[in-house]
Amino acid sequence: MPIETEPFDAAEHLTGEAAQMELLAEALESGDAKFIAVALGTIARARGMTKVAKDTGVSREALYKSLTSDGDPRLSTVCGVLKALGIKLQIKETP
């Protein structure tokens, strides 16, 4: 008898702002563009993709598509999503 599984969506469990910021910090620290896009997509879904899309001026479908491991969002899209999420990036030198 096969084991039945259910799809897992991290956005459903990533409801706290601190956890969301921890995910994004880890993604940025990795330097992996795909991980960063997925992290932003997960946070946007957790907060409401429709609202984020409206605030960025990008269609919801386009955000879903670009904020995945297969997507390649433009810098303007990433900046718009960060602004819509109320996230400000700061730069610091690495030791």
PDB file of N, CA and C in Angstrom:
ATOM      1  N   MET A   1       0.846  -1.172   0.000  1.00  0.00           N
ATOM      2  CA  MET A   1       0.000   0.000   0.000  1.00  0.00           C
ATOM      3  C   MET A   1       0.899   1.245   0.000  1.00  0.00           C
ATOM      4  N   PRO A   2       0.701   2.158  -0.969  1.00  0.00           N
ATOM      5  CA  PRO A   2       1.547   3.352  -1.035  1.00  0.00           C
ATOM      6  C   PRO A   2       1.248   4.327   0.106  1.00  0.00           C
ATOM      7  N   ILE A   3       2.278   5.039   0.500  1.00  0.00           N
ATOM      8  CA  ILE A   3       2.127   6.059   1.545  1.00  0.00           C
ATOM      9  C   ILE A   3       1.556   7.317   0.914  1.00  0.00           C
ATOM     10  N   GLU A   4       0.540   7.856   1.542  1.00  0.00           N
ATOM     11  CA  GLU A   4      -0.056   9.092   1.047  1.00  0.00           C
ATOM     12  C   GLU A   4       0.619  10.279   1.709  1.00  0.00           C
ATOM     13  N   THR A   5       0.971  11.253   0.910  1.00  0.00           N
ATOM     14  CA  THR A   5       1.603  12.469   1.429  1.00  0.00           C
ATOM     15  C   THR A   5       0.800  13.683   1.003  1.00  0.00           C
ATOM     16  N   GLU A   6       1.031  14.775   1.684  1.00  0.00           N
ATOM     17  CA  GLU A   6       0.384  16.035   1.348  1.00  0.00           C
ATOM     18  C   GLU A   6       1.457  17.028   0.941  1.00  0.00           C
ATOM     19  N   PRO A   7       1.151  17.920   0.002  1.00  0.00           N
ATOM     20  CA  PRO A   7       2.140  18.929  -0.396  1.00  0.00           C
ATOM     21  C   PRO A   7       2.498  19.821   0.799  1.00  0.00           C
ATOM     22  N   PHE A   8       3.750  20.218   0.865  1.00  0.00           N
ATOM     23  CA  PHE A   8       4.206  21.088   1.945  1.00  0.00           C
ATOM     24  C   PHE A   8       4.468  22.466   1.378  1.00  0.00           C
ATOM     25  N   ASP A   9       3.917  23.489   1.992  1.00  0.00           N
ATOM     26  CA  ASP A   9       4.161  24.872   1.603  1.00  0.00           C
ATOM     27  C   ASP A   9       4.682  25.610   2.824  1.00  0.00           C
ATOM     28  N   ALA A  10       5.949  25.973   2.774  1.00  0.00           N
ATOM     29  CA  ALA A  10       6.583  26.659   3.907  1.00  0.00           C
ATOM     30  C   ALA A  10       5.857  27.953   4.258  1.00  0.00           C
ATOM     31  N   ALA A  11       5.246  28.599   3.283  1.00  0.00           N
ATOM     32  CA  ALA A  11       4.553  29.868   3.534  1.00  0.00           C
ATOM     33  C   ALA A  11       3.432  29.707   4.551  1.00  0.00           C
ATOM     34  N   GLU A  12       2.827  28.532   4.600  1.00  0.00           N
ATOM     35  CA  GLU A  12       1.741  28.291   5.557  1.00  0.00           C
ATOM     36  C   GLU A  12       2.260  28.241   6.994  1.00  0.00           C
ATOM     37  N   HIS A  13       3.536  27.960   7.165  1.00  0.00           N
ATOM     38  CA  HIS A  13       4.120  27.804   8.496  1.00  0.00           C
ATOM     39  C   HIS A  13       5.035  28.963   8.880  1.00  0.00           C
ATOM     40  N   LEU A  14       5.349  29.810   7.924  1.00  0.00           N
ATOM     41  CA  LEU A  14       6.283  30.911   8.146  1.00  0.00           C
ATOM     42  C   LEU A  14       5.492  32.198   8.390  1.00  0.00           C
ATOM     43  N   THR A  15       4.737  32.204   9.483  1.00  0.00           N
ATOM     44  CA  THR A  15       3.814  33.307   9.729  1.00  0.00           C
ATOM     45  C   THR A  15       4.431  34.439  10.530  1.00  0.00           C
ATOM     46  N   GLY A  16       5.467  34.179  11.283  1.00  0.00           N
ATOM     47  CA  GLY A  16       6.070  35.223  12.106  1.00  0.00           C
ATOM     48  C   GLY A  16       7.114  36.024  11.343  1.00  0.00           C
ATOM     49  N   GLU A  17       7.128  37.315  11.584  1.00  0.00           N
ATOM     50  CA  GLU A  17       8.073  38.193  10.900  1.00  0.00           C
ATOM     51  C   GLU A  17       9.526  37.816  11.211  1.00  0.00           C
ATOM     52  N   ALA A  18       9.813  37.439  12.442  1.00  0.00           N
ATOM     53  CA  ALA A  18      11.190  37.076  12.808  1.00  0.00           C
ATOM     54  C   ALA A  18      11.661  35.865  12.005  1.00  0.00           C
ATOM     55  N   ALA A  19      10.802  34.869  11.856  1.00  0.00           N
ATOM     56  CA  ALA A  19      11.156  33.678  11.077  1.00  0.00           C
ATOM     57  C   ALA A  19      11.345  34.027   9.604  1.00  0.00           C
ATOM     58  N   GLN A  20      10.516  34.928   9.097  1.00  0.00           N
ATOM     59  CA  GLN A  20      10.640  35.358   7.708  1.00  0.00           C
ATOM     60  C   GLN A  20      11.970  36.082   7.482  1.00  0.00           C
ATOM     61  N   MET A  21      12.342  36.943   8.422  1.00  0.00           N
ATOM     62  CA  MET A  21      13.601  37.668   8.287  1.00  0.00           C
ATOM     63  C   MET A  21      14.798  36.734   8.420  1.00  0.00           C
ATOM     64  N   GLU A  22      14.658  35.717   9.247  1.00  0.00           N
ATOM     65  CA  GLU A  22      15.730  34.729   9.393  1.00  0.00           C
ATOM     66  C   GLU A  22      15.922  33.959   8.082  1.00  0.00           C
ATOM     67  N   LEU A  23      14.825  33.580   7.440  1.00  0.00           N
ATOM     68  CA  LEU A  23      14.903  32.895   6.158  1.00  0.00           C
ATOM     69  C   LEU A  23      15.578  33.776   5.117  1.00  0.00           C
ATOM     70  N   LEU A  24      15.159  35.033   5.032  1.00  0.00           N
ATOM     71  CA  LEU A  24      15.740  35.935   4.035  1.00  0.00           C
ATOM     72  C   LEU A  24      17.216  36.200   4.317  1.00  0.00           C
ATOM     73  N   ALA A  25      17.573  36.370   5.587  1.00  0.00           N
ATOM     74  CA  ALA A  25      18.981  36.584   5.947  1.00  0.00           C
ATOM     75  C   ALA A  25      19.830  35.386   5.540  1.00  0.00           C
ATOM     76  N   GLU A  26      19.308  34.187   5.789  1.00  0.00           N
ATOM     77  CA  GLU A  26      20.042  32.972   5.408  1.00  0.00           C
ATOM     78  C   GLU A  26      20.208  32.901   3.889  1.00  0.00           C
ATOM     79  N   ALA A  27      19.149  33.237   3.162  1.00  0.00           N
ATOM     80  CA  ALA A  27      19.216  33.207   1.700  1.00  0.00           C
ATOM     81  C   ALA A  27      20.237  34.221   1.180  1.00  0.00           C
ATOM     82  N   LEU A  28      20.204  35.434   1.717  1.00  0.00           N
ATOM     83  CA  LEU A  28      21.153  36.462   1.284  1.00  0.00           C
ATOM     84  C   LEU A  28      22.584  36.078   1.636  1.00  0.00           C
ATOM     85  N   GLU A  29      22.761  35.499   2.814  1.00  0.00           N
ATOM     86  CA  GLU A  29      24.088  35.069   3.251  1.00  0.00           C
ATOM     87  C   GLU A  29      24.655  34.002   2.314  1.00  0.00           C
ATOM     88  N   SER A  30      23.780  33.160   1.785  1.00  0.00           N
ATOM     89  CA  SER A  30      24.229  32.093   0.892  1.00  0.00           C
ATOM     90  C   SER A  30      24.751  32.630  -0.437  1.00  0.00           C
ATOM     91  N   GLY A  31      24.223  33.768  -0.858  1.00  0.00           N
ATOM     92  CA  GLY A  31      24.613  34.328  -2.151  1.00  0.00           C
ATOM     93  C   GLY A  31      24.007  33.591  -3.335  1.00  0.00           C
ATOM     94  N   ASP A  32      23.126  32.650  -3.075  1.00  0.00           N
ATOM     95  CA  ASP A  32      22.491  31.847  -4.115  1.00  0.00           C
ATOM     96  C   ASP A  32      21.239  32.570  -4.614  1.00  0.00           C
ATOM     97  N   ALA A  33      21.275  33.051  -5.853  1.00  0.00           N
ATOM     98  CA  ALA A  33      20.169  33.833  -6.409  1.00  0.00           C
ATOM     99  C   ALA A  33      18.855  33.056  -6.399  1.00  0.00           C
ATOM    100  N   LYS A  34      18.912  31.763  -6.657  1.00  0.00           N
ATOM    101  CA  LYS A  34      17.682  30.959  -6.660  1.00  0.00           C
ATOM    102  C   LYS A  34      17.091  30.854  -5.256  1.00  0.00           C
ATOM    103  N   PHE A  35      17.960  30.669  -4.261  1.00  0.00           N
ATOM    104  CA  PHE A  35      17.502  30.592  -2.866  1.00  0.00           C
ATOM    105  C   PHE A  35      16.879  31.927  -2.458  1.00  0.00           C
ATOM    106  N   ILE A  36      17.482  33.032  -2.864  1.00  0.00           N
ATOM    107  CA  ILE A  36      16.955  34.358  -2.532  1.00  0.00           C
ATOM    108  C   ILE A  36      15.572  34.540  -3.160  1.00  0.00           C
ATOM    109  N   ALA A  37      15.421  34.165  -4.424  1.00  0.00           N
ATOM    110  CA  ALA A  37      14.131  34.290  -5.105  1.00  0.00           C
ATOM    111  C   ALA A  37      13.062  33.438  -4.418  1.00  0.00           C
ATOM    112  N   VAL A  38      13.416  32.206  -4.070  1.00  0.00           N
ATOM    113  CA  VAL A  38      12.466  31.316  -3.398  1.00  0.00           C
ATOM    114  C   VAL A  38      12.095  31.871  -2.024  1.00  0.00           C
ATOM    115  N   ALA A  39      13.080  32.386  -1.282  1.00  0.00           N
ATOM    116  CA  ALA A  39      12.800  32.953   0.039  1.00  0.00           C
ATOM    117  C   ALA A  39      11.847  34.140  -0.074  1.00  0.00           C
ATOM    118  N   LEU A  40      12.094  35.026  -1.032  1.00  0.00           N
ATOM    119  CA  LEU A  40      11.200  36.167  -1.237  1.00  0.00           C
ATOM    120  C   LEU A  40       9.797  35.695  -1.627  1.00  0.00           C
ATOM    121  N   GLY A  41       9.724  34.683  -2.482  1.00  0.00           N
ATOM    122  CA  GLY A  41       8.424  34.141  -2.881  1.00  0.00           C
ATOM    123  C   GLY A  41       7.677  33.527  -1.710  1.00  0.00           C
ATOM    124  N   THR A  42       8.407  32.827  -0.868  1.00  0.00           N
ATOM    125  CA  THR A  42       7.791  32.202   0.306  1.00  0.00           C
ATOM    126  C   THR A  42       7.245  33.271   1.259  1.00  0.00           C
ATOM    127  N   ILE A  43       8.032  34.303   1.493  1.00  0.00           N
ATOM    128  CA  ILE A  43       7.598  35.388   2.382  1.00  0.00           C
ATOM    129  C   ILE A  43       6.411  36.123   1.771  1.00  0.00           C
ATOM    130  N   ALA A  44       6.462  36.368   0.459  1.00  0.00           N
ATOM    131  CA  ALA A  44       5.351  37.057  -0.210  1.00  0.00           C
ATOM    132  C   ALA A  44       4.067  36.233  -0.105  1.00  0.00           C
ATOM    133  N   ARG A  45       4.163  34.920  -0.276  1.00  0.00           N
ATOM    134  CA  ARG A  45       2.974  34.067  -0.136  1.00  0.00           C
ATOM    135  C   ARG A  45       2.469  34.075   1.298  1.00  0.00           C
ATOM    136  N   ALA A  46       3.386  34.063   2.253  1.00  0.00           N
ATOM    137  CA  ALA A  46       2.983  34.073   3.665  1.00  0.00           C
ATOM    138  C   ALA A  46       2.247  35.360   4.021  1.00  0.00           C
ATOM    139  N   ARG A  47       2.644  36.450   3.404  1.00  0.00           N
ATOM    140  CA  ARG A  47       2.014  37.747   3.724  1.00  0.00           C
ATOM    141  C   ARG A  47       0.838  38.082   2.820  1.00  0.00           C
ATOM    142  N   GLY A  48       0.705  37.333   1.724  1.00  0.00           N
ATOM    143  CA  GLY A  48      -0.399  37.573   0.788  1.00  0.00           C
ATOM    144  C   GLY A  48       0.115  38.046  -0.557  1.00  0.00           C
ATOM    145  N   MET A  49       0.250  37.132  -1.490  1.00  0.00           N
ATOM    146  CA  MET A  49       0.825  37.452  -2.803  1.00  0.00           C
ATOM    147  C   MET A  49       0.010  38.490  -3.555  1.00  0.00           C
ATOM    148  N   THR A  50      -1.311  38.466  -3.394  1.00  0.00           N
ATOM    149  CA  THR A  50      -2.156  39.436  -4.102  1.00  0.00           C
ATOM    150  C   THR A  50      -1.809  40.856  -3.675  1.00  0.00           C
ATOM    151  N   LYS A  51      -1.664  41.080  -2.375  1.00  0.00           N
ATOM    152  CA  LYS A  51      -1.326  42.411  -1.877  1.00  0.00           C
ATOM    153  C   LYS A  51       0.074  42.813  -2.314  1.00  0.00           C
ATOM    154  N   VAL A  52       1.022  41.896  -2.232  1.00  0.00           N
ATOM    155  CA  VAL A  52       2.398  42.199  -2.649  1.00  0.00           C
ATOM    156  C   VAL A  52       2.417  42.554  -4.134  1.00  0.00           C
ATOM    157  N   ALA A  53       1.692  41.801  -4.949  1.00  0.00           N
ATOM    158  CA  ALA A  53       1.638  42.081  -6.383  1.00  0.00           C
ATOM    159  C   ALA A  53       1.055  43.465  -6.635  1.00  0.00           C
ATOM    160  N   LYS A  54      -0.013  43.784  -5.930  1.00  0.00           N
ATOM    161  CA  LYS A  54      -0.639  45.102  -6.097  1.00  0.00           C
ATOM    162  C   LYS A  54       0.343  46.210  -5.706  1.00  0.00           C
ATOM    163  N   ASP A  55       1.040  46.032  -4.592  1.00  0.00           N
ATOM    164  CA  ASP A  55       1.971  47.047  -4.112  1.00  0.00           C
ATOM    165  C   ASP A  55       3.197  47.206  -5.011  1.00  0.00           C
ATOM    166  N   THR A  56       3.572  46.139  -5.713  1.00  0.00           N
ATOM    167  CA  THR A  56       4.738  46.223  -6.591  1.00  0.00           C
ATOM    168  C   THR A  56       4.372  46.645  -8.000  1.00  0.00           C
ATOM    169  N   GLY A  57       3.100  46.522  -8.360  1.00  0.00           N
ATOM    170  CA  GLY A  57       2.681  46.864  -9.712  1.00  0.00           C
ATOM    171  C   GLY A  57       3.004  45.771 -10.716  1.00  0.00           C
ATOM    172  N   VAL A  58       3.239  44.568 -10.220  1.00  0.00           N
ATOM    173  CA  VAL A  58       3.528  43.416 -11.071  1.00  0.00           C
ATOM    174  C   VAL A  58       2.377  42.431 -10.887  1.00  0.00           C
ATOM    175  N   SER A  59       2.009  41.755 -11.962  1.00  0.00           N
ATOM    176  CA  SER A  59       0.894  40.818 -11.840  1.00  0.00           C
ATOM    177  C   SER A  59       1.247  39.689 -10.873  1.00  0.00           C
ATOM    178  N   ARG A  60       0.239  39.175 -10.240  1.00  0.00           N
ATOM    179  CA  ARG A  60       0.417  38.084  -9.292  1.00  0.00           C
ATOM    180  C   ARG A  60       1.057  36.872  -9.970  1.00  0.00           C
ATOM    181  N   GLU A  61       0.588  36.574 -11.162  1.00  0.00           N
ATOM    182  CA  GLU A  61       1.122  35.434 -11.905  1.00  0.00           C
ATOM    183  C   GLU A  61       2.603  35.623 -12.208  1.00  0.00           C
ATOM    184  N   ALA A  62       2.976  36.852 -12.588  1.00  0.00           N
ATOM    185  CA  ALA A  62       4.389  37.130 -12.899  1.00  0.00           C
ATOM    186  C   ALA A  62       5.254  36.981 -11.647  1.00  0.00           C
ATOM    187  N   LEU A  63       4.734  37.407 -10.489  1.00  0.00           N
ATOM    188  CA  LEU A  63       5.504  37.245  -9.250  1.00  0.00           C
ATOM    189  C   LEU A  63       5.650  35.772  -8.893  1.00  0.00           C
ATOM    190  N   TYR A  64       4.552  35.022  -8.992  1.00  0.00           N
ATOM    191  CA  TYR A  64       4.635  33.587  -8.704  1.00  0.00           C
ATOM    192  C   TYR A  64       5.699  32.935  -9.589  1.00  0.00           C
ATOM    193  N   LYS A  65       5.719  33.319 -10.856  1.00  0.00           N
ATOM    194  CA  LYS A  65       6.635  32.716 -11.808  1.00  0.00           C
ATOM    195  C   LYS A  65       8.086  33.124 -11.535  1.00  0.00           C
ATOM    196  N   SER A  66       8.321  34.393 -11.236  1.00  0.00           N
ATOM    197  CA  SER A  66       9.697  34.870 -11.080  1.00  0.00           C
ATOM    198  C   SER A  66      10.301  34.540  -9.718  1.00  0.00           C
ATOM    199  N   LEU A  67       9.471  34.382  -8.692  1.00  0.00           N
ATOM    200  CA  LEU A  67       9.994  34.112  -7.350  1.00  0.00           C
ATOM    201  C   LEU A  67       9.991  32.619  -7.035  1.00  0.00           C
ATOM    202  N   THR A  68      10.563  31.857  -7.946  1.00  0.00           N
ATOM    203  CA  THR A  68      10.739  30.414  -7.788  1.00  0.00           C
ATOM    204  C   THR A  68      12.184  30.068  -8.112  1.00  0.00           C
ATOM    205  N   SER A  69      12.562  28.817  -7.885  1.00  0.00           N
ATOM    206  CA  SER A  69      13.935  28.406  -8.204  1.00  0.00           C
ATOM    207  C   SER A  69      14.180  28.408  -9.710  1.00  0.00           C
ATOM    208  N   ASP A  70      13.119  28.345 -10.506  1.00  0.00           N
ATOM    209  CA  ASP A  70      13.264  28.405 -11.963  1.00  0.00           C
ATOM    210  C   ASP A  70      13.140  29.826 -12.499  1.00  0.00           C
ATOM    211  N   GLY A  71      12.676  30.751 -11.658  1.00  0.00           N
ATOM    212  CA  GLY A  71      12.497  32.128 -12.082  1.00  0.00           C
ATOM    213  C   GLY A  71      13.816  32.892 -12.064  1.00  0.00           C
ATOM    214  N   ASP A  72      13.809  34.032 -12.696  1.00  0.00           N
ATOM    215  CA  ASP A  72      14.989  34.897 -12.709  1.00  0.00           C
ATOM    216  C   ASP A  72      14.481  36.341 -12.646  1.00  0.00           C
ATOM    217  N   PRO A  73      14.062  36.774 -11.430  1.00  0.00           N
ATOM    218  CA  PRO A  73      13.444  38.093 -11.331  1.00  0.00           C
ATOM    219  C   PRO A  73      14.423  39.215 -11.652  1.00  0.00           C
ATOM    220  N   ARG A  74      13.891  40.261 -12.236  1.00  0.00           N
ATOM    221  CA  ARG A  74      14.690  41.455 -12.499  1.00  0.00           C
ATOM    222  C   ARG A  74      14.979  42.138 -11.167  1.00  0.00           C
ATOM    223  N   LEU A  75      16.032  42.907 -11.148  1.00  0.00           N
ATOM    224  CA  LEU A  75      16.379  43.642  -9.936  1.00  0.00           C
ATOM    225  C   LEU A  75      15.244  44.577  -9.541  1.00  0.00           C
ATOM    226  N   SER A  76      14.577  45.183 -10.515  1.00  0.00           N
ATOM    227  CA  SER A  76      13.465  46.079 -10.208  1.00  0.00           C
ATOM    228  C   SER A  76      12.323  45.317  -9.524  1.00  0.00           C
ATOM    229  N   THR A  77      12.104  44.072  -9.904  1.00  0.00           N
ATOM    230  CA  THR A  77      11.076  43.258  -9.263  1.00  0.00           C
ATOM    231  C   THR A  77      11.469  42.938  -7.831  1.00  0.00           C
ATOM    232  N   VAL A  78      12.728  42.536  -7.633  1.00  0.00           N
ATOM    233  CA  VAL A  78      13.209  42.229  -6.283  1.00  0.00           C
ATOM    234  C   VAL A  78      13.094  43.462  -5.396  1.00  0.00           C
ATOM    235  N   CYS A  79      13.507  44.611  -5.897  1.00  0.00           N
ATOM    236  CA  CYS A  79      13.431  45.849  -5.103  1.00  0.00           C
ATOM    237  C   CYS A  79      11.978  46.202  -4.782  1.00  0.00           C
ATOM    238  N   GLY A  80      11.086  46.016  -5.750  1.00  0.00           N
ATOM    239  CA  GLY A  80       9.664  46.284  -5.522  1.00  0.00           C
ATOM    240  C   GLY A  80       9.061  45.358  -4.479  1.00  0.00           C
ATOM    241  N   VAL A  81       9.434  44.084  -4.525  1.00  0.00           N
ATOM    242  CA  VAL A  81       8.930  43.120  -3.549  1.00  0.00           C
ATOM    243  C   VAL A  81       9.451  43.462  -2.161  1.00  0.00           C
ATOM    244  N   LEU A  82      10.737  43.778  -2.067  1.00  0.00           N
ATOM    245  CA  LEU A  82      11.301  44.153  -0.768  1.00  0.00           C
ATOM    246  C   LEU A  82      10.574  45.368  -0.192  1.00  0.00           C
ATOM    247  N   LYS A  83      10.325  46.350  -1.033  1.00  0.00           N
ATOM    248  CA  LYS A  83       9.620  47.556  -0.572  1.00  0.00           C
ATOM    249  C   LYS A  83       8.193  47.215  -0.134  1.00  0.00           C
ATOM    250  N   ALA A  84       7.506  46.387  -0.913  1.00  0.00           N
ATOM    251  CA  ALA A  84       6.134  45.997  -0.574  1.00  0.00           C
ATOM    252  C   ALA A  84       6.085  45.210   0.735  1.00  0.00           C
ATOM    253  N   LEU A  85       7.134  44.456   1.008  1.00  0.00           N
ATOM    254  CA  LEU A  85       7.188  43.674   2.244  1.00  0.00           C
ATOM    255  C   LEU A  85       7.692  44.499   3.425  1.00  0.00           C
ATOM    256  N   GLY A  86       8.107  45.740   3.160  1.00  0.00           N
ATOM    257  CA  GLY A  86       8.611  46.584   4.238  1.00  0.00           C
ATOM    258  C   GLY A  86       9.998  46.169   4.701  1.00  0.00           C
ATOM    259  N   ILE A  87      10.794  45.632   3.775  1.00  0.00           N
ATOM    260  CA  ILE A  87      12.139  45.159   4.108  1.00  0.00           C
ATOM    261  C   ILE A  87      13.160  46.092   3.488  1.00  0.00           C
ATOM    262  N   LYS A  88      14.103  46.511   4.293  1.00  0.00           N
ATOM    263  CA  LYS A  88      15.185  47.374   3.835  1.00  0.00           C
ATOM    264  C   LYS A  88      16.497  46.612   4.014  1.00  0.00           C
ATOM    265  N   LEU A  89      17.243  46.487   2.947  1.00  0.00           N
ATOM    266  CA  LEU A  89      18.537  45.811   3.019  1.00  0.00           C
ATOM    267  C   LEU A  89      19.614  46.798   3.414  1.00  0.00           C
ATOM    268  N   GLN A  90      20.561  46.336   4.208  1.00  0.00           N
ATOM    269  CA  GLN A  90      21.706  47.159   4.575  1.00  0.00           C
ATOM    270  C   GLN A  90      22.964  46.434   4.140  1.00  0.00           C
ATOM    271  N   ILE A  91      23.946  47.204   3.769  1.00  0.00           N
ATOM    272  CA  ILE A  91      25.210  46.653   3.299  1.00  0.00           C
ATOM    273  C   ILE A  91      26.259  46.771   4.404  1.00  0.00           C
ATOM    274  N   LYS A  92      27.034  45.710   4.563  1.00  0.00           N
ATOM    275  CA  LYS A  92      28.147  45.782   5.507  1.00  0.00           C
ATOM    276  C   LYS A  92      29.310  45.024   4.911  1.00  0.00           C
ATOM    277  N   GLU A  93      30.495  45.447   5.260  1.00  0.00           N
ATOM    278  CA  GLU A  93      31.698  44.790   4.773  1.00  0.00           C
ATOM    279  C   GLU A  93      31.852  43.438   5.446  1.00  0.00           C
ATOM    280  N   THR A  94      32.367  42.494   4.699  1.00  0.00           N
ATOM    281  CA  THR A  94      32.652  41.208   5.313  1.00  0.00           C
ATOM    282  C   THR A  94      34.061  41.265   5.920  1.00  0.00           C
ATOM    283  N   PRO A  95      34.234  40.617   7.035  1.00  0.00           N
ATOM    284  CA  PRO A  95      35.552  40.664   7.701  1.00  0.00           C
ATOM    285  C   PRO A  95      36.602  39.906   6.929  1.00  0.00           C
TER     286      PRO A  95
END
